[in-house]
Amino acid sequence: MTRFTFATELERAAETIADVSRQILLRRAALRLRNTDSLGLDAETEQAIDFLALEMGVARSEIIRTVVVDWLISSGRLPVDAIDEASETHGTA
């Protein structure tokens, strides 16, 4: 998913929220994603993201996207995708 696609998803989520202040927050986040190539993060956060990306073998942008999406889902700002019952899972419930 590109940052432009993610920005579009943020705008779609904003349309489904009744609270205007939350709509504004999501729309501003989408606008910032479209208008910037990087995020201004403190050195400690940058280092943690870089280490995690290296450890997991994925791009830094993918780590950031995953963290933001997980946070938005856990805070109820993005809908949870349907669970695929046929997919393999790890661990026990």
Foldseek 3Di string as FASTA:
>chain_A
DALLVVLVQLQVLLVVDPDVVSSVVSNVVSVVSVVDDDDDDDPVVVVVLVVVCVVVVHDSVVSVVVVVVVVCPVVPSHPDDDDDPPDDDDDDD
